[in-house]
Structure formats: structure tokens, C-alpha cells
Amino acid sequence: MIKERPDGLKRELYLIDGAALVVGSVIGSGIFLVPSSVAQSIHQPGMMLLIWIASGIIAFFGGLSYAELGAMMPFTGGQYVYLREAYGNFLSFFYGWTSFWVMNAGSIATLAVAFSMYSKYLFPVGIISEKVIAVSCVGILTIINYRGIRFNATVQNIFTFLKVGALIGMIFFGFAAGKGDFNNMHPFFPSEFSFKYLSIIGVAMIGTLWAYEGWHLVCFIGGEIKNPRKNLPLSLIIGIFIIIFIYLLANILYIYYIPVNEIASSDFVAADATERFAGVIGGLLISVAILISMFGAAHTNMVSGPRVFFAMARDKLFFSKVAKVHPKFKSPHVSVLIQGIWAAILTLIIGTYSGLFTFVISASAIFYALTVGSVFVLRKKYPEIKRPYKVWGYPVAPIIFIVVIVAFVINAFVNTFMTEPKNAFLLIFIILSGLPAYYYWSKKI
């Protein structure tokens, strides 16, 4: 029988906090920077929009499975806990190990680098200045997250409100201005289609899946949500639907104002589109909102990641001091600090935005598939456990998710080895380095 282990963290978050965390963790840099990379691979507006919709549906199917797991096991650590209960310590350790070295810290680093990139729209930024801005962003986030969960939830809610409000405002006033051209939508679909096109779609989806990255992070704070068996799955479902709706409208707006070939060469597609209906001042205002969005998304990753390492340390599979709770703030403060340090280092090691998000999403997708697969394992392993929420569309929805993600991972790894072999080998090295680490800690259990 699965039982919650008291961890000293307080349940202080409500449904609105959970939904805001989902939206806040996902809407960051992706919707503002990824459309350009998608347009570089896919040149037809209809296909571009279909890729965004398909990626959202995949995230939704994944969210349904995570909702069942989260309602059944609303404990601190989220995905780490689900993998541990389904497959045992070995696989869950490798998830936590990769999460620390690649996924969570990598997501924070990616968003920090995106923050420094978009700063160029507002003022001249050199290469050294970019690095300083990115590292400073991580440092400020680490200081904020040293405080307790209630303080951080309030910060997150404010950032989520501001960036969603800015996105909706951009979409509303952009269409209301009516200064774009729907002829930019032609040709909507390619005249011919071949199986080679599937690989191109797969490459484009590296970006769109990154843009949806973070939908699962609310599960990591399951031990700090009130009435989690109800509020955790609702947070996931409400949050993902909001994101799909906003992403689709934003991409239609971009194409309405900017032809696809120009989107492909734009470094600031959201600001460029806004300039065309609201002038330079509008472009500046949306750029400020975008920087707020990126900072807020990085903040969410900073909140969620340390809960995984905290849970690992409590299982005696990570550095023991990481399991400490701050006596005043009731936060996993040591975990927050070490994550911040490594994220800052990653901004310097890899540096480029595309390199970082490819690095992150390639690793994340592997564990997404394994975690959704744990729905099947746990239903068989623990049929008697109460499941306040069960996956809608079971078993079809989880199977579709797993098949698509496995195909994506294969395609992404092949592409990464061809385009950025250094990052591919670094990723493999980090994952395999977990073998001696697991052997060391498992001997102490």
C-alpha cells in the first residue's frame, strides 16, 4: 500500500494556485521564440497550426495520466514518486538524477538565456552582458525561492496574471486593429505530402513540445496543495486547456501580421507582430511583458524542481543535506540553492537557446513516456487503491501519448546527434553517470 510520508512541508495552496502554476510554468519563452524555429522547418500556416494543436493534445493526454497519478499519490516529489512506486528506486533515481542535471536546471537555464536574448530588443546587449543577465536572473530566482511556498505561490500568481493578461491583450487588440492580412495563410497546406515530411514535423515538434514543457510541474508540489485529490487533477486539466487556446490564437495572430518566411527569420516575432498594429511603443510594452513571462516561467521551474531532489534525499538516494527544511520558511532551501548554482553553470556551458531546449526536451520526453506507462503498471500493482480521478479515454489516450513520445524521442536524438553532437554526448554522459551514483547511495539504504 502506498502511504504518504510526512515531510514537514505545509499544505497552503488552492486550486487557483495549482492552475496558475500550470499556466505559469508552461507560458514562458516558447510562444514568443519557438514560432520562428517552427517556421524554419514548416512553411505552410495550416501545418504550423496543426503542429501546435497536436503538441497541445499530446500534453493534454499526458496531463490526464498525470492527473490520475497525482490524485492517487498527492505527495511531494510528483513524477519521482510515481516512478518509484511503479518501477522501484533504480528508475526513479535516474529520473531524479537526470532532472537535477538536465531537465529542471536546464529548463531554468533555457528561460534565463531566453530572458537575456529578448533583452536585446530593449537595449544593446553584448555577449558578455548576455551571460551576466542570464546568471543574474538565476541568482534572483534562487533568492526568491529560498522563501516558503506561500510567498512563492503569490509571486507566481502575480507573474501568471501579468503574462496571460499581456498575451490576451496582444491577441485582442491585434485582431481588433484589423491591420494584418489573412492572405498570409496561403498556401494553407503543402500541395504534396511524403513520409519524409514526418521527420520534418518531428524536428519542428522539438520546439512546440518545449513550448508546452512544464505542464506536469504542479505534481511536484502535491504535498503542499489543499484537497489535492480534487485540486491536483483539476489544476492540470484547466491549465492545459487555457494554454492550448492561447497558443493557437497567438500563432494565428503572428501569421496574420507576418508572412511565414519573415517569421522564420524573426528573433522577436511577438514584438515584431505587435509593432505592426501598435507601433514601436506597443513592441516595447509587449517585450517587457515577454521578459516578465520568461522570468515567471523560470520561477515556476525553480519552485518545482527542488521538491524532486528533496524527495530523493529523503529516500537516502541523494545528498542528505538536501532533505533539510528551513526552520523559518519551511522550504527545501538546500535543494533550492544547489539547483540554482547548477542552472547558472548550464547557462555558461551550453548557452544557446535552441541548444538548451533540445537538451531539456530530449531527456524529459523519455521520462514522460515512462511515467504515463506507470498508470498501467500501478493499476495492476495496486488495484485496491482509491483513485479519485481516472484517465479519461483509458487505455487509448495513454497509449497514444506513449507512442507519439517514443517516436519523437527517436527522431529528436537522431537530429541532435546530427546537428549538436556535443550536447547529445553530454546528455548520455550525464544519464550514465547516475550508475555509480546510484550504486553508492543504494548501498547506504
Protein backbone atom coordinates (compact mmCIF):
# COMPACT_ATOMS: atom_id res chain seq x y z
CA MET A 1 0.00 0.00 0.00
CA ILE A 2 1.29 3.45 -0.95
CA LYS A 3 1.42 5.81 2.00
CA GLU A 4 2.33 9.47 2.24
CA ARG A 5 5.49 10.12 4.18
CA PRO A 6 5.37 13.21 6.44
CA ASP A 7 7.92 15.70 5.12
CA GLY A 8 7.45 18.85 7.16
CA LEU A 9 6.10 20.89 4.21
CA LYS A 10 2.75 22.68 4.65
CA ARG A 11 -0.41 22.37 2.52
CA GLU A 12 -1.10 26.01 1.72
CA LEU A 13 -2.08 26.07 -1.98
CA TYR A 14 -5.56 26.17 -3.53
CA LEU A 15 -6.98 25.22 -6.95
CA ILE A 16 -6.26 28.68 -8.36
CA ASP A 17 -2.64 28.37 -7.23
CA GLY A 18 -2.30 24.98 -8.93
CA ALA A 19 -3.88 26.13 -12.21
CA ALA A 20 -1.73 29.29 -12.14
CA LEU A 21 1.34 27.11 -11.60
CA VAL A 22 0.48 25.00 -14.68
CA VAL A 23 -0.12 28.07 -16.87
CA GLY A 24 2.80 29.95 -15.34
CA SER A 25 5.26 27.09 -15.80
CA VAL A 26 4.32 26.50 -19.44
CA ILE A 27 3.88 30.01 -20.83
CA GLY A 28 7.42 31.32 -20.75
CA SER A 29 9.68 31.75 -23.75
CA GLY A 30 8.19 29.16 -26.13
CA ILE A 31 5.22 31.03 -27.56
CA PHE A 32 7.42 34.07 -28.20
CA LEU A 33 10.52 32.41 -29.69
CA VAL A 34 9.55 28.93 -30.93
CA PRO A 35 7.24 30.08 -33.82
CA SER A 36 10.38 31.20 -35.61
CA SER A 37 12.05 27.78 -35.34
CA VAL A 38 8.81 26.06 -36.42
CA ALA A 39 8.58 28.32 -39.49
CA GLN A 40 12.16 27.42 -40.41
CA SER A 41 11.09 23.77 -40.74
CA ILE A 42 7.44 24.07 -41.78
CA HIS A 43 6.44 26.70 -44.36
CA GLN A 44 2.65 26.24 -44.55
CA PRO A 45 0.48 28.02 -41.93
CA GLY A 46 -2.01 25.15 -41.71
CA MET A 47 0.73 22.65 -40.88
CA MET A 48 2.26 25.06 -38.37
CA LEU A 49 -1.05 25.43 -36.54
CA LEU A 50 -1.68 21.67 -36.67
CA ILE A 51 1.70 21.03 -35.02
CA TRP A 52 0.83 23.45 -32.20
CA ILE A 53 -2.59 21.81 -31.75
CA ALA A 54 -1.15 18.28 -31.89
CA SER A 55 1.52 19.14 -29.33
CA GLY A 56 -1.17 20.59 -27.07
CA ILE A 57 -3.30 17.44 -27.40
CA ILE A 58 -0.27 15.29 -26.57
CA ALA A 59 0.36 17.43 -23.49
CA PHE A 60 -3.34 17.11 -22.59
CA PHE A 61 -3.25 13.30 -22.88
CA GLY A 62 -0.14 13.29 -20.71
CA GLY A 63 -1.87 15.60 -18.26
CA LEU A 64 -4.83 13.21 -17.96
CA SER A 65 -2.48 10.41 -16.92
CA TYR A 66 -0.55 12.62 -14.52
CA ALA A 67 -3.89 13.73 -13.06
CA GLU A 68 -4.73 10.12 -12.14
CA LEU A 69 -1.30 9.61 -10.63
CA GLY A 70 -1.36 12.94 -8.82
CA ALA A 71 -4.81 12.37 -7.33
CA MET A 72 -3.78 8.89 -6.21
CA MET A 73 -0.40 10.00 -4.79
CA PRO A 74 -0.55 13.73 -3.99
CA PHE A 75 2.89 13.74 -2.42
CA THR A 76 5.93 16.00 -2.64
CA GLY A 77 8.20 14.91 -5.49
CA GLY A 78 5.47 14.21 -8.07
CA GLN A 79 6.89 12.32 -11.03
CA TYR A 80 9.75 10.91 -8.94
CA VAL A 81 7.22 9.33 -6.56
CA TYR A 82 5.11 7.87 -9.39
CA LEU A 83 8.15 6.24 -10.99
CA ARG A 84 9.37 4.93 -7.64
CA GLU A 85 6.06 3.26 -6.81
CA ALA A 86 5.67 1.81 -10.33
CA TYR A 87 9.20 0.67 -11.15
CA GLY A 88 11.26 0.90 -7.96
CA ASN A 89 14.16 3.01 -6.74
CA PHE A 90 16.52 2.38 -9.66
CA LEU A 91 14.42 4.05 -12.37
CA SER A 92 13.06 6.79 -10.12
CA PHE A 93 16.63 7.64 -9.11
CA PHE A 94 17.64 8.04 -12.75
CA TYR A 95 14.68 10.33 -13.27
CA GLY A 96 15.69 12.46 -10.28
CA TRP A 97 19.35 12.38 -11.31
CA THR A 98 18.54 13.49 -14.88
CA SER A 99 16.03 16.01 -13.55
CA PHE A 100 18.72 17.66 -11.44
CA TRP A 101 21.49 17.69 -14.05
CA VAL A 102 19.40 18.23 -17.20
CA MET A 103 15.66 18.77 -17.04
CA ASN A 104 14.85 21.20 -14.23
CA ALA A 105 18.12 23.09 -14.12
CA GLY A 106 18.19 23.00 -17.94
CA SER A 107 14.70 24.50 -18.15
CA ILE A 108 15.69 27.31 -15.80
CA ALA A 109 18.88 27.92 -17.79
CA THR A 110 16.93 27.93 -21.09
CA LEU A 111 14.49 30.52 -19.80
CA ALA A 112 17.28 32.63 -18.31
CA VAL A 113 19.11 32.61 -21.66
CA ALA A 114 15.85 33.49 -23.45
CA PHE A 115 15.41 36.36 -20.98
CA SER A 116 18.86 37.71 -21.83
CA MET A 117 18.18 37.26 -25.59
CA TYR A 118 14.94 39.24 -25.54
CA SER A 119 16.63 41.98 -23.54
CA LYS A 120 18.32 42.92 -26.82
CA TYR A 121 15.01 44.28 -28.06
CA LEU A 122 15.06 46.91 -25.31
CA PHE A 123 18.73 47.87 -25.15
CA PRO A 124 22.11 46.86 -26.67
CA VAL A 125 23.40 43.65 -25.11
CA GLY A 126 26.81 42.15 -25.88
CA ILE A 127 27.87 38.51 -25.49
CA ILE A 128 29.34 39.05 -22.03
CA SER A 129 26.31 41.08 -20.93
CA GLU A 130 24.01 38.28 -22.10
CA LYS A 131 25.83 35.81 -19.86
CA VAL A 132 25.72 38.22 -16.90
CA ILE A 133 21.98 38.82 -17.35
CA ALA A 134 21.24 35.08 -17.60
CA VAL A 135 23.27 34.21 -14.49
CA SER A 136 21.81 37.16 -12.55
CA CYS A 137 18.30 36.00 -13.47
CA VAL A 138 19.03 32.56 -11.99
CA GLY A 139 20.54 34.16 -8.88
CA ILE A 140 17.49 36.35 -8.21
CA LEU A 141 15.16 33.37 -8.68
CA THR A 142 17.19 31.32 -6.23
CA ILE A 143 16.94 34.05 -3.58
CA ILE A 144 13.15 34.32 -4.09
CA ASN A 145 12.66 30.56 -3.87
CA TYR A 146 14.62 30.31 -0.67
CA ARG A 147 11.44 31.65 0.93
CA GLY A 148 8.40 29.45 1.69
CA ILE A 149 5.82 28.07 -0.75
CA ARG A 150 3.08 30.58 0.11
CA PHE A 151 5.35 33.52 -0.70
CA ASN A 152 6.42 31.84 -3.95
CA ALA A 153 2.85 30.99 -4.92
CA THR A 154 1.90 34.66 -4.51
CA VAL A 155 4.85 35.70 -6.69
CA GLN A 156 3.87 33.06 -9.26
CA ASN A 157 0.23 34.15 -9.34
CA ILE A 158 1.27 37.75 -9.99
CA PHE A 159 3.60 36.78 -12.84
CA THR A 160 0.98 34.45 -14.35
CA PHE A 161 -1.70 37.16 -14.22
CA LEU A 162 0.62 39.69 -15.88
CA LYS A 163 1.83 37.48 -18.71
CA VAL A 164 -1.53 35.89 -19.51
CA GLY A 165 -3.10 39.35 -19.41
CA ALA A 166 -0.42 40.68 -21.78
CA LEU A 167 -0.87 37.75 -24.19
CA ILE A 168 -4.65 38.08 -24.24
CA GLY A 169 -4.29 41.85 -24.67
CA MET A 170 -1.91 41.36 -27.61
CA ILE A 171 -4.31 38.88 -29.24
CA PHE A 172 -7.44 41.00 -28.66
CA PHE A 173 -6.01 44.35 -29.80
CA GLY A 174 -4.14 42.70 -32.66
CA PHE A 175 -7.28 41.24 -34.21
CA ALA A 176 -9.36 44.31 -33.30
CA ALA A 177 -6.91 46.58 -35.14
CA GLY A 178 -7.51 44.59 -38.33
CA LYS A 179 -4.23 45.73 -39.92
CA GLY A 180 -3.00 42.27 -40.86
CA ASP A 181 -3.62 40.15 -43.94
CA PHE A 182 -5.25 36.71 -43.92
CA ASN A 183 -3.70 36.10 -47.34
CA ASN A 184 -0.59 35.24 -45.32
CA MET A 185 -2.40 31.95 -44.60
CA HIS A 186 -1.93 30.78 -48.21
CA PRO A 187 -0.96 28.14 -49.15
CA PHE A 188 -2.53 26.68 -46.00
CA PHE A 189 -1.28 23.10 -46.54
CA PRO A 190 1.50 21.63 -48.68
CA SER A 191 0.50 20.55 -52.19
CA GLU A 192 2.22 17.19 -51.70
CA PHE A 193 2.92 15.05 -48.66
CA SER A 194 5.54 12.34 -48.21
CA PHE A 195 6.76 10.24 -45.30
CA LYS A 196 9.95 12.34 -45.24
CA TYR A 197 7.68 15.17 -44.07
CA LEU A 198 7.09 13.26 -40.82
CA SER A 199 10.74 13.73 -39.84
CA ILE A 200 10.47 17.46 -40.57
CA ILE A 201 7.36 17.63 -38.40
CA GLY A 202 9.25 15.77 -35.67
CA VAL A 203 12.05 18.36 -35.75
CA ALA A 204 9.52 21.20 -35.58
CA MET A 205 7.85 19.49 -32.61
CA ILE A 206 11.06 19.72 -30.58
CA GLY A 207 10.23 23.42 -30.30
CA THR A 208 6.47 23.12 -29.80
CA LEU A 209 6.82 20.42 -27.15
CA TRP A 210 9.33 22.67 -25.40
CA ALA A 211 6.71 25.45 -25.55
CA TYR A 212 4.33 23.11 -23.66
CA GLU A 213 7.09 21.90 -21.30
CA GLY A 214 6.19 22.28 -17.63
CA TRP A 215 2.53 21.15 -17.64
CA HIS A 216 3.45 18.37 -15.18
CA LEU A 217 5.31 20.51 -12.62
CA VAL A 218 2.28 21.10 -10.40
CA CYS A 219 2.51 17.41 -9.43
CA PHE A 220 5.84 18.09 -7.71
CA ILE A 221 4.14 20.21 -5.06
CA GLY A 222 1.31 17.71 -4.43
CA GLY A 223 2.33 17.64 -0.77
CA GLU A 224 1.65 21.37 -0.46
CA ILE A 225 -1.81 21.57 -2.14
CA LYS A 226 -5.03 21.61 -0.12
CA ASN A 227 -7.55 18.88 -1.03
CA PRO A 228 -5.04 17.52 -3.59
CA ARG A 229 -7.10 14.55 -4.78
CA LYS A 230 -9.56 17.03 -6.28
CA ASN A 231 -7.47 20.14 -6.90
CA LEU A 232 -4.41 18.49 -8.46
CA PRO A 233 -6.14 16.91 -11.49
CA LEU A 234 -8.36 19.97 -11.94
CA SER A 235 -5.29 22.22 -11.93
CA LEU A 236 -3.73 20.16 -14.71
CA ILE A 237 -6.81 19.96 -16.91
CA ILE A 238 -7.87 23.63 -16.55
CA GLY A 239 -4.31 24.87 -17.03
CA ILE A 240 -3.59 22.85 -20.19
CA PHE A 241 -6.86 23.90 -21.87
CA ILE A 242 -6.10 27.57 -21.21
CA ILE A 243 -2.61 27.16 -22.71
CA ILE A 244 -3.79 25.39 -25.91
CA PHE A 245 -6.38 28.12 -26.52
CA ILE A 246 -3.91 30.98 -26.02
CA TYR A 247 -1.15 29.35 -28.10
CA LEU A 248 -3.43 28.75 -31.07
CA LEU A 249 -4.73 32.33 -31.11
CA ALA A 250 -1.23 33.78 -30.70
CA ASN A 251 0.12 31.81 -33.68
CA ILE A 252 -2.82 32.84 -35.87
CA LEU A 253 -2.12 36.46 -34.92
CA TYR A 254 1.57 36.17 -35.82
CA ILE A 255 0.76 34.75 -39.26
CA TYR A 256 -2.00 37.37 -39.75
CA TYR A 257 0.61 40.13 -39.42
CA ILE A 258 3.83 38.47 -40.61
CA PRO A 259 4.29 36.13 -43.61
CA VAL A 260 5.72 32.72 -42.70
CA ASN A 261 9.07 33.35 -44.42
CA GLU A 262 9.52 36.51 -42.30
CA ILE A 263 8.52 34.67 -39.11
CA ALA A 264 11.31 32.18 -39.88
CA SER A 265 13.92 34.95 -39.82
CA SER A 266 12.50 36.93 -36.88
CA ASP A 267 14.22 36.80 -33.49
CA PHE A 268 11.36 38.73 -31.84
CA VAL A 269 8.21 37.52 -33.58
CA ALA A 270 5.76 38.65 -30.87
CA ALA A 271 7.30 42.11 -30.62
CA ASP A 272 7.52 42.41 -34.43
CA ALA A 273 3.84 41.49 -34.82
CA THR A 274 2.78 43.92 -32.09
CA GLU A 275 4.77 46.73 -33.70
CA ARG A 276 2.72 46.31 -36.87
CA PHE A 277 -0.55 47.18 -35.15
CA ALA A 278 0.56 49.19 -32.10
CA GLY A 279 3.77 50.87 -33.22
CA VAL A 280 7.16 50.97 -31.53
CA ILE A 281 5.65 51.66 -28.10
CA GLY A 282 3.47 48.55 -28.44
CA GLY A 283 6.52 46.49 -29.37
CA LEU A 284 8.38 47.77 -26.32
CA LEU A 285 5.46 47.08 -23.98
CA ILE A 286 4.97 43.51 -25.20
CA SER A 287 8.73 42.94 -24.91
CA VAL A 288 8.59 43.93 -21.24
CA ALA A 289 5.63 41.56 -20.80
CA ILE A 290 7.61 38.79 -22.52
CA LEU A 291 10.54 39.29 -20.14
CA ILE A 292 8.09 39.07 -17.23
CA SER A 293 6.70 35.87 -18.77
CA MET A 294 10.12 34.25 -19.08
CA PHE A 295 11.10 35.23 -15.55
CA GLY A 296 7.81 33.86 -14.21
CA ALA A 297 8.21 30.53 -16.03
CA ALA A 298 11.76 30.16 -14.75
CA HIS A 299 10.43 30.90 -11.28
CA THR A 300 7.95 28.02 -11.55
CA ASN A 301 10.69 25.58 -12.52
CA MET A 302 12.73 26.83 -9.60
CA VAL A 303 9.78 26.11 -7.28
CA SER A 304 9.07 22.59 -8.52
CA GLY A 305 12.50 21.07 -9.17
CA PRO A 306 13.87 21.19 -5.60
CA ARG A 307 10.88 19.12 -4.40
CA VAL A 308 12.16 16.21 -6.52
CA PHE A 309 15.67 16.34 -5.10
CA PHE A 310 14.19 16.81 -1.64
CA ALA A 311 12.15 13.60 -2.08
CA MET A 312 15.23 11.73 -3.35
CA ALA A 313 17.27 12.82 -0.34
CA ARG A 314 14.50 11.65 1.99
CA ASP A 315 14.77 8.25 0.28
CA LYS A 316 18.54 8.39 1.03
CA LEU A 317 19.30 8.45 -2.71
CA PHE A 318 20.81 11.93 -2.82
CA PHE A 319 22.96 14.17 -0.65
CA SER A 320 21.49 14.01 2.87
CA LYS A 321 21.55 17.78 3.46
CA VAL A 322 19.17 18.26 0.52
CA ALA A 323 16.40 16.74 2.70
CA LYS A 324 16.59 19.66 5.15
CA VAL A 325 13.62 22.00 5.64
CA HIS A 326 14.31 25.63 6.52
CA PRO A 327 13.21 26.20 10.14
CA LYS A 328 11.57 29.55 9.36
CA PHE A 329 10.44 29.43 5.71
CA LYS A 330 9.56 25.69 5.66
CA SER A 331 11.20 25.38 2.25
CA PRO A 332 13.71 22.80 0.93
CA HIS A 333 16.32 25.56 0.97
CA VAL A 334 19.44 23.44 0.37
CA SER A 335 17.79 21.85 -2.66
CA VAL A 336 16.91 25.31 -3.98
CA LEU A 337 20.50 26.53 -3.60
CA ILE A 338 22.22 23.64 -5.38
CA GLN A 339 19.71 23.76 -8.24
CA GLY A 340 20.35 27.48 -8.68
CA ILE A 341 24.12 27.00 -8.79
CA TRP A 342 23.95 24.26 -11.44
CA ALA A 343 21.39 26.16 -13.55
CA ALA A 344 23.72 29.17 -13.59
CA ILE A 345 26.60 26.94 -14.73
CA LEU A 346 24.44 25.45 -17.54
CA THR A 347 23.77 28.93 -18.95
CA LEU A 348 27.53 29.20 -19.44
CA ILE A 349 28.27 25.62 -20.62
CA ILE A 350 25.62 25.34 -23.36
CA GLY A 351 24.48 28.91 -23.70
CA THR A 352 22.34 28.88 -26.88
CA TYR A 353 18.56 28.87 -26.57
CA SER A 354 17.91 26.12 -29.14
CA GLY A 355 20.75 24.00 -27.76
CA LEU A 356 19.33 24.25 -24.27
CA PHE A 357 15.70 23.45 -25.09
CA THR A 358 16.71 20.50 -27.30
CA PHE A 359 18.92 19.28 -24.43
CA VAL A 360 15.99 19.51 -21.98
CA ILE A 361 13.11 18.16 -24.05
CA SER A 362 15.05 15.14 -25.35
CA ALA A 363 15.64 13.95 -21.77
CA SER A 364 12.22 14.96 -20.45
CA ALA A 365 10.27 13.07 -23.11
CA ILE A 366 11.82 9.73 -22.12
CA PHE A 367 10.53 10.03 -18.57
CA TYR A 368 7.15 11.38 -19.70
CA ALA A 369 6.56 8.12 -21.58
CA LEU A 370 7.71 6.01 -18.62
CA THR A 371 5.53 7.97 -16.19
CA VAL A 372 2.40 7.66 -18.32
CA GLY A 373 3.22 3.96 -18.64
CA SER A 374 3.16 3.74 -14.84
CA VAL A 375 -0.63 4.25 -14.99
CA PHE A 376 -0.87 0.73 -16.45
CA VAL A 377 1.70 -0.68 -14.00
CA LEU A 378 0.07 0.81 -10.90
CA ARG A 379 -3.47 -0.23 -11.89
CA LYS A 380 -2.22 -3.79 -11.97
CA LYS A 381 0.11 -3.48 -8.99
CA TYR A 382 -2.29 -1.63 -6.67
CA PRO A 383 -5.85 -2.22 -7.95
CA GLU A 384 -7.34 -1.62 -4.48
CA ILE A 385 -6.02 1.95 -4.05
CA LYS A 386 -8.62 4.69 -4.24
CA ARG A 387 -8.36 6.69 -7.46
CA PRO A 388 -10.37 9.92 -7.10
CA TYR A 389 -9.74 10.59 -10.79
CA LYS A 390 -9.21 8.04 -13.58
CA VAL A 391 -7.73 8.79 -17.00
CA TRP A 392 -10.39 9.82 -19.50
CA GLY A 393 -10.12 7.67 -22.63
CA TYR A 394 -8.14 4.89 -20.92
CA PRO A 395 -6.31 2.98 -22.36
CA VAL A 396 -6.34 4.81 -25.72
CA ALA A 397 -5.22 8.27 -24.50
CA PRO A 398 -2.16 6.98 -22.56
CA ILE A 399 -1.18 4.66 -25.43
CA ILE A 400 -1.36 7.47 -28.00
CA PHE A 401 0.80 9.62 -25.73
CA ILE A 402 3.43 6.91 -25.28
CA VAL A 403 3.61 6.01 -29.00
CA VAL A 404 3.95 9.64 -30.11
CA ILE A 405 6.54 10.46 -27.45
CA VAL A 406 8.67 7.37 -28.21
CA ALA A 407 8.66 8.28 -31.93
CA PHE A 408 9.52 11.86 -31.02
CA VAL A 409 12.43 10.81 -28.78
CA ILE A 410 13.97 8.65 -31.53
CA ASN A 411 13.66 11.45 -34.09
CA ALA A 412 14.97 14.08 -31.64
CA PHE A 413 18.02 12.02 -30.70
CA VAL A 414 18.90 11.38 -34.36
CA ASN A 415 18.53 15.09 -35.12
CA THR A 416 20.57 16.12 -32.07
CA PHE A 417 23.41 13.75 -32.95
CA MET A 418 23.46 15.23 -36.46
CA THR A 419 23.21 18.91 -35.52
CA GLU A 420 24.60 19.24 -31.97
CA PRO A 421 26.64 16.11 -31.18
CA LYS A 422 28.36 17.78 -28.20
CA ASN A 423 25.02 18.18 -26.43
CA ALA A 424 23.93 14.65 -27.34
CA PHE A 425 27.07 13.10 -25.86
CA LEU A 426 26.84 15.35 -22.78
CA LEU A 427 23.26 14.17 -22.21
CA ILE A 428 24.24 10.49 -22.48
CA PHE A 429 27.23 11.04 -20.19
CA ILE A 430 25.08 12.71 -17.51
CA ILE A 431 22.47 9.94 -17.56
CA LEU A 432 25.09 7.17 -17.42
CA SER A 433 26.99 8.94 -14.64
CA GLY A 434 23.98 8.09 -12.48
CA LEU A 435 25.06 4.42 -12.42
CA PRO A 436 27.98 4.82 -9.96
CA ALA A 437 25.99 7.44 -8.04
CA TYR A 438 23.06 5.05 -7.58
CA TYR A 439 25.40 2.23 -6.57
CA TYR A 440 26.97 4.50 -3.92
CA TRP A 441 23.71 5.72 -2.36
CA SER A 442 21.77 2.46 -2.65
CA LYS A 443 24.42 0.75 -0.52
CA LYS A 444 23.51 3.13 2.31
CA ILE A 445 19.78 2.34 2.36
